[in-house]
Amino acid sequence: MTKEELNSPEIAKMLADMATDQVGGKPPIDLSEADHGYEDPIDSRFEIDQMMNDLILAEYVDESDDGDVMRDGIYIKTNMSGARAWRTAIVRKIGSKVEPPIEVGCYIRFPSDKGIPSVQGKHKYIFLNSDRIFCTMKLKKGRDKKD
């Protein structure tokens, strides 16, 4: 890129958006009052029918029943795993604007500080924008989800 291109308004806006953690022009959601340690207060008579736009509902696959995160076959206490650890989940539902290769049933990797966690029964889910996904993944041959 030339010096003029680097100083363009488009680049300045992109850098400003990155600095404020905006995705697709949307500001970050303030979760300071959210309580992530308890079951969602959503009425248990209902289930999610359809996701909107580029939203994804995924279920964590790298976590024990106690909330510890698995790294290379070893469960690590969440307070020791670092605030910005990578997480792995399986996609359960997607909105109409989610593009391939993300699809229901695929594994995804994303930073742990992104998305909105949700607990339903014994399952821990995460709501994410598709822009938060860094990659899709697949299990290595001979491995299962709990290795």
C-alpha atoms as a PDB file:
ATOM      1  CA  MET A   1       0.000   0.000   0.000  1.00  0.00           C
ATOM      2  CA  THR A   2       1.108   3.513  -0.680  1.00  0.00           C
ATOM      3  CA  LYS A   3       1.434   6.146   2.026  1.00  0.00           C
ATOM      4  CA  GLU A   4      -1.661   7.902   0.676  1.00  0.00           C
ATOM      5  CA  GLU A   5      -3.690   4.667   0.865  1.00  0.00           C
ATOM      6  CA  LEU A   6      -2.585   4.064   4.461  1.00  0.00           C
ATOM      7  CA  ASN A   7      -3.759   7.565   5.412  1.00  0.00           C
ATOM      8  CA  SER A   8      -7.138   7.210   3.696  1.00  0.00           C
ATOM      9  CA  PRO A   9     -10.414   7.798   5.601  1.00  0.00           C
ATOM     10  CA  GLU A  10     -11.416   4.161   4.960  1.00  0.00           C
ATOM     11  CA  ILE A  11      -8.285   2.845   6.727  1.00  0.00           C
ATOM     12  CA  ALA A  12      -8.753   5.328   9.578  1.00  0.00           C
ATOM     13  CA  LYS A  13     -12.378   4.156  10.049  1.00  0.00           C
ATOM     14  CA  MET A  14     -11.330   0.494   9.964  1.00  0.00           C
ATOM     15  CA  LEU A  15      -8.656   1.119  12.628  1.00  0.00           C
ATOM     16  CA  ALA A  16     -11.140   3.079  14.761  1.00  0.00           C
ATOM     17  CA  ASP A  17     -13.666   0.236  14.489  1.00  0.00           C
ATOM     18  CA  MET A  18     -11.007  -2.275  15.501  1.00  0.00           C
ATOM     19  CA  ALA A  19     -10.080  -0.132  18.497  1.00  0.00           C
ATOM     20  CA  THR A  20     -13.697  -0.071  19.698  1.00  0.00           C
ATOM     21  CA  ASP A  21     -14.271  -3.768  18.892  1.00  0.00           C
ATOM     22  CA  GLN A  22     -17.136  -3.160  16.496  1.00  0.00           C
ATOM     23  CA  VAL A  23     -18.286  -5.971  14.240  1.00  0.00           C
ATOM     24  CA  GLY A  24     -20.081  -5.047  11.056  1.00  0.00           C
ATOM     25  CA  GLY A  25     -20.535  -1.488  12.372  1.00  0.00           C
ATOM     26  CA  LYS A  26     -22.310  -2.747  15.507  1.00  0.00           C
ATOM     27  CA  PRO A  27     -20.982  -1.624  18.909  1.00  0.00           C
ATOM     28  CA  PRO A  28     -19.995  -4.235  21.484  1.00  0.00           C
ATOM     29  CA  ILE A  29     -22.700  -5.443  23.868  1.00  0.00           C
ATOM     30  CA  ASP A  30     -22.289  -4.291  27.463  1.00  0.00           C
ATOM     31  CA  LEU A  31     -22.331  -7.411  29.626  1.00  0.00           C
ATOM     32  CA  SER A  32     -21.207  -5.710  32.827  1.00  0.00           C
ATOM     33  CA  GLU A  33     -24.544  -6.443  34.524  1.00  0.00           C
ATOM     34  CA  ALA A  34     -24.971  -9.934  33.068  1.00  0.00           C
ATOM     35  CA  ASP A  35     -24.718 -12.872  35.438  1.00  0.00           C
ATOM     36  CA  HIS A  36     -23.081 -15.744  33.569  1.00  0.00           C
ATOM     37  CA  GLY A  37     -23.004 -18.201  36.446  1.00  0.00           C
ATOM     38  CA  TYR A  38     -26.677 -19.119  36.429  1.00  0.00           C
ATOM     39  CA  GLU A  39     -29.285 -20.530  34.120  1.00  0.00           C
ATOM     40  CA  ASP A  40     -30.781 -18.107  31.615  1.00  0.00           C
ATOM     41  CA  PRO A  41     -33.980 -16.483  32.861  1.00  0.00           C
ATOM     42  CA  ILE A  42     -35.655 -17.346  29.532  1.00  0.00           C
ATOM     43  CA  ASP A  43     -38.987 -19.104  30.035  1.00  0.00           C
ATOM     44  CA  SER A  44     -38.253 -22.853  29.944  1.00  0.00           C
ATOM     45  CA  ARG A  45     -41.472 -23.466  28.004  1.00  0.00           C
ATOM     46  CA  PHE A  46     -39.737 -22.090  24.904  1.00  0.00           C
ATOM     47  CA  GLU A  47     -36.806 -23.110  22.759  1.00  0.00           C
ATOM     48  CA  ILE A  48     -34.967 -21.149  20.093  1.00  0.00           C
ATOM     49  CA  ASP A  49     -36.731 -21.607  16.783  1.00  0.00           C
ATOM     50  CA  GLN A  50     -34.554 -19.585  14.428  1.00  0.00           C
ATOM     51  CA  MET A  51     -31.442 -17.426  14.689  1.00  0.00           C
ATOM     52  CA  MET A  52     -31.412 -13.997  13.046  1.00  0.00           C
ATOM     53  CA  ASN A  53     -28.965 -12.512  10.528  1.00  0.00           C
ATOM     54  CA  ASP A  54     -25.348 -13.649  11.059  1.00  0.00           C
ATOM     55  CA  LEU A  55     -25.870 -15.036  14.569  1.00  0.00           C
ATOM     56  CA  ILE A  56     -24.670 -18.469  15.600  1.00  0.00           C
ATOM     57  CA  LEU A  57     -25.677 -20.604  18.573  1.00  0.00           C
ATOM     58  CA  ALA A  58     -22.908 -23.046  19.457  1.00  0.00           C
ATOM     59  CA  GLU A  59     -22.389 -25.517  22.288  1.00  0.00           C
ATOM     60  CA  TYR A  60     -19.003 -25.678  24.012  1.00  0.00           C
ATOM     61  CA  VAL A  61     -17.186 -28.975  23.468  1.00  0.00           C
ATOM     62  CA  ASP A  62     -13.979 -28.115  25.356  1.00  0.00           C
ATOM     63  CA  GLU A  63     -15.483 -27.828  28.842  1.00  0.00           C
ATOM     64  CA  SER A  64     -16.124 -30.263  31.694  1.00  0.00           C
ATOM     65  CA  ASP A  65     -19.359 -30.409  33.680  1.00  0.00           C
ATOM     66  CA  ASP A  66     -17.546 -28.338  36.339  1.00  0.00           C
ATOM     67  CA  GLY A  67     -16.717 -25.562  33.864  1.00  0.00           C
ATOM     68  CA  ASP A  68     -13.029 -26.388  33.483  1.00  0.00           C
ATOM     69  CA  VAL A  69     -11.531 -25.920  30.000  1.00  0.00           C
ATOM     70  CA  MET A  70      -9.756 -28.794  28.229  1.00  0.00           C
ATOM     71  CA  ARG A  71      -6.310 -28.162  26.747  1.00  0.00           C
ATOM     72  CA  ASP A  72      -4.488 -31.092  25.108  1.00  0.00           C
ATOM     73  CA  GLY A  73      -6.506 -33.654  27.078  1.00  0.00           C
ATOM     74  CA  ILE A  74      -6.042 -31.907  30.444  1.00  0.00           C
ATOM     75  CA  TYR A  75      -8.792 -29.938  32.182  1.00  0.00           C
ATOM     76  CA  ILE A  76      -7.600 -26.576  33.484  1.00  0.00           C
ATOM     77  CA  LYS A  77      -9.500 -24.486  36.019  1.00  0.00           C
ATOM     78  CA  THR A  78     -11.079 -21.550  34.226  1.00  0.00           C
ATOM     79  CA  ASN A  79      -9.363 -19.062  36.516  1.00  0.00           C
ATOM     80  CA  MET A  80      -5.992 -20.531  35.406  1.00  0.00           C
ATOM     81  CA  SER A  81      -6.696 -20.863  31.682  1.00  0.00           C
ATOM     82  CA  GLY A  82      -6.392 -17.147  30.978  1.00  0.00           C
ATOM     83  CA  ALA A  83      -9.006 -14.562  30.166  1.00  0.00           C
ATOM     84  CA  ARG A  84      -8.278 -14.725  26.439  1.00  0.00           C
ATOM     85  CA  ALA A  85      -8.122 -18.464  25.814  1.00  0.00           C
ATOM     86  CA  TRP A  86      -9.343 -19.970  22.537  1.00  0.00           C
ATOM     87  CA  ARG A  87     -12.589 -21.896  22.792  1.00  0.00           C
ATOM     88  CA  THR A  88     -14.056 -24.684  20.680  1.00  0.00           C
ATOM     89  CA  ALA A  89     -17.769 -25.310  20.137  1.00  0.00           C
ATOM     90  CA  ILE A  90     -20.101 -27.185  17.826  1.00  0.00           C
ATOM     91  CA  VAL A  91     -22.613 -25.112  15.870  1.00  0.00           C
ATOM     92  CA  ARG A  92     -26.227 -25.922  16.811  1.00  0.00           C
ATOM     93  CA  LYS A  93     -28.187 -23.182  14.974  1.00  0.00           C
ATOM     94  CA  ILE A  94     -27.332 -20.443  12.471  1.00  0.00           C
ATOM     95  CA  GLY A  95     -29.018 -17.334  11.130  1.00  0.00           C
ATOM     96  CA  SER A  96     -29.872 -16.890   7.453  1.00  0.00           C
ATOM     97  CA  LYS A  97     -26.874 -14.631   6.758  1.00  0.00           C
ATOM     98  CA  VAL A  98     -24.225 -17.029   8.089  1.00  0.00           C
ATOM     99  CA  GLU A  99     -22.072 -18.048   5.156  1.00  0.00           C
ATOM    100  CA  PRO A 100     -20.318 -21.355   4.422  1.00  0.00           C
ATOM    101  CA  PRO A 101     -18.171 -23.020   5.590  1.00  0.00           C
ATOM    102  CA  ILE A 102     -19.990 -22.376   8.884  1.00  0.00           C
ATOM    103  CA  GLU A 103     -22.940 -24.762   9.099  1.00  0.00           C
ATOM    104  CA  VAL A 104     -24.906 -26.657  11.721  1.00  0.00           C
ATOM    105  CA  GLY A 105     -22.766 -29.500  13.087  1.00  0.00           C
ATOM    106  CA  CYS A 106     -19.356 -27.990  12.292  1.00  0.00           C
ATOM    107  CA  TYR A 107     -16.759 -27.169  14.953  1.00  0.00           C
ATOM    108  CA  ILE A 108     -15.639 -23.568  15.340  1.00  0.00           C
ATOM    109  CA  ARG A 109     -12.797 -21.770  17.148  1.00  0.00           C
ATOM    110  CA  PHE A 110     -13.153 -18.279  18.630  1.00  0.00           C
ATOM    111  CA  PRO A 111     -11.674 -16.105  21.412  1.00  0.00           C
ATOM    112  CA  SER A 112     -13.202 -16.789  24.828  1.00  0.00           C
ATOM    113  CA  ASP A 113     -13.934 -13.128  25.485  1.00  0.00           C
ATOM    114  CA  LYS A 114     -16.391 -12.898  22.565  1.00  0.00           C
ATOM    115  CA  GLY A 115     -20.071 -13.775  22.479  1.00  0.00           C
ATOM    116  CA  ILE A 116     -22.820 -14.109  25.051  1.00  0.00           C
ATOM    117  CA  PRO A 117     -22.846 -17.316  27.129  1.00  0.00           C
ATOM    118  CA  SER A 118     -26.105 -19.111  27.864  1.00  0.00           C
ATOM    119  CA  VAL A 119     -26.821 -22.117  30.063  1.00  0.00           C
ATOM    120  CA  GLN A 120     -29.804 -24.355  29.334  1.00  0.00           C
ATOM    121  CA  GLY A 121     -30.042 -27.368  31.610  1.00  0.00           C
ATOM    122  CA  LYS A 122     -26.674 -29.153  31.498  1.00  0.00           C
ATOM    123  CA  HIS A 123     -25.626 -27.518  28.222  1.00  0.00           C
ATOM    124  CA  LYS A 124     -23.523 -24.372  27.964  1.00  0.00           C
ATOM    125  CA  TYR A 125     -23.990 -22.393  24.759  1.00  0.00           C
ATOM    126  CA  ILE A 126     -22.521 -19.255  23.240  1.00  0.00           C
ATOM    127  CA  PHE A 127     -24.238 -16.722  20.973  1.00  0.00           C
ATOM    128  CA  LEU A 128     -21.756 -15.249  18.470  1.00  0.00           C
ATOM    129  CA  ASN A 129     -21.701 -13.127  15.339  1.00  0.00           C
ATOM    130  CA  SER A 130     -20.153 -15.042  12.450  1.00  0.00           C
ATOM    131  CA  ASP A 131     -17.441 -12.344  12.235  1.00  0.00           C
ATOM    132  CA  ARG A 132     -16.155 -13.577  15.621  1.00  0.00           C
ATOM    133  CA  ILE A 133     -15.300 -17.032  14.270  1.00  0.00           C
ATOM    134  CA  PHE A 134     -11.629 -17.496  13.429  1.00  0.00           C
ATOM    135  CA  CYS A 135     -11.911 -20.921  11.787  1.00  0.00           C
ATOM    136  CA  THR A 136     -13.899 -24.097  11.386  1.00  0.00           C
ATOM    137  CA  MET A 137     -12.315 -27.301  12.666  1.00  0.00           C
ATOM    138  CA  LYS A 138     -12.662 -31.059  12.360  1.00  0.00           C
ATOM    139  CA  LEU A 139     -11.736 -33.870  14.712  1.00  0.00           C
ATOM    140  CA  LYS A 140      -8.508 -35.683  13.917  1.00  0.00           C
ATOM    141  CA  LYS A 141      -8.958 -39.299  12.838  1.00  0.00           C
ATOM    142  CA  GLY A 142      -9.145 -41.673  15.789  1.00  0.00           C
ATOM    143  CA  ARG A 143     -10.099 -38.911  18.264  1.00  0.00           C
ATOM    144  CA  ASP A 144     -13.447 -38.288  19.860  1.00  0.00           C
ATOM    145  CA  LYS A 145     -14.924 -35.113  21.324  1.00  0.00           C
ATOM    146  CA  LYS A 146     -13.695 -35.830  24.861  1.00  0.00           C
ATOM    147  CA  ASP A 147      -9.999 -36.588  24.079  1.00  0.00           C
END
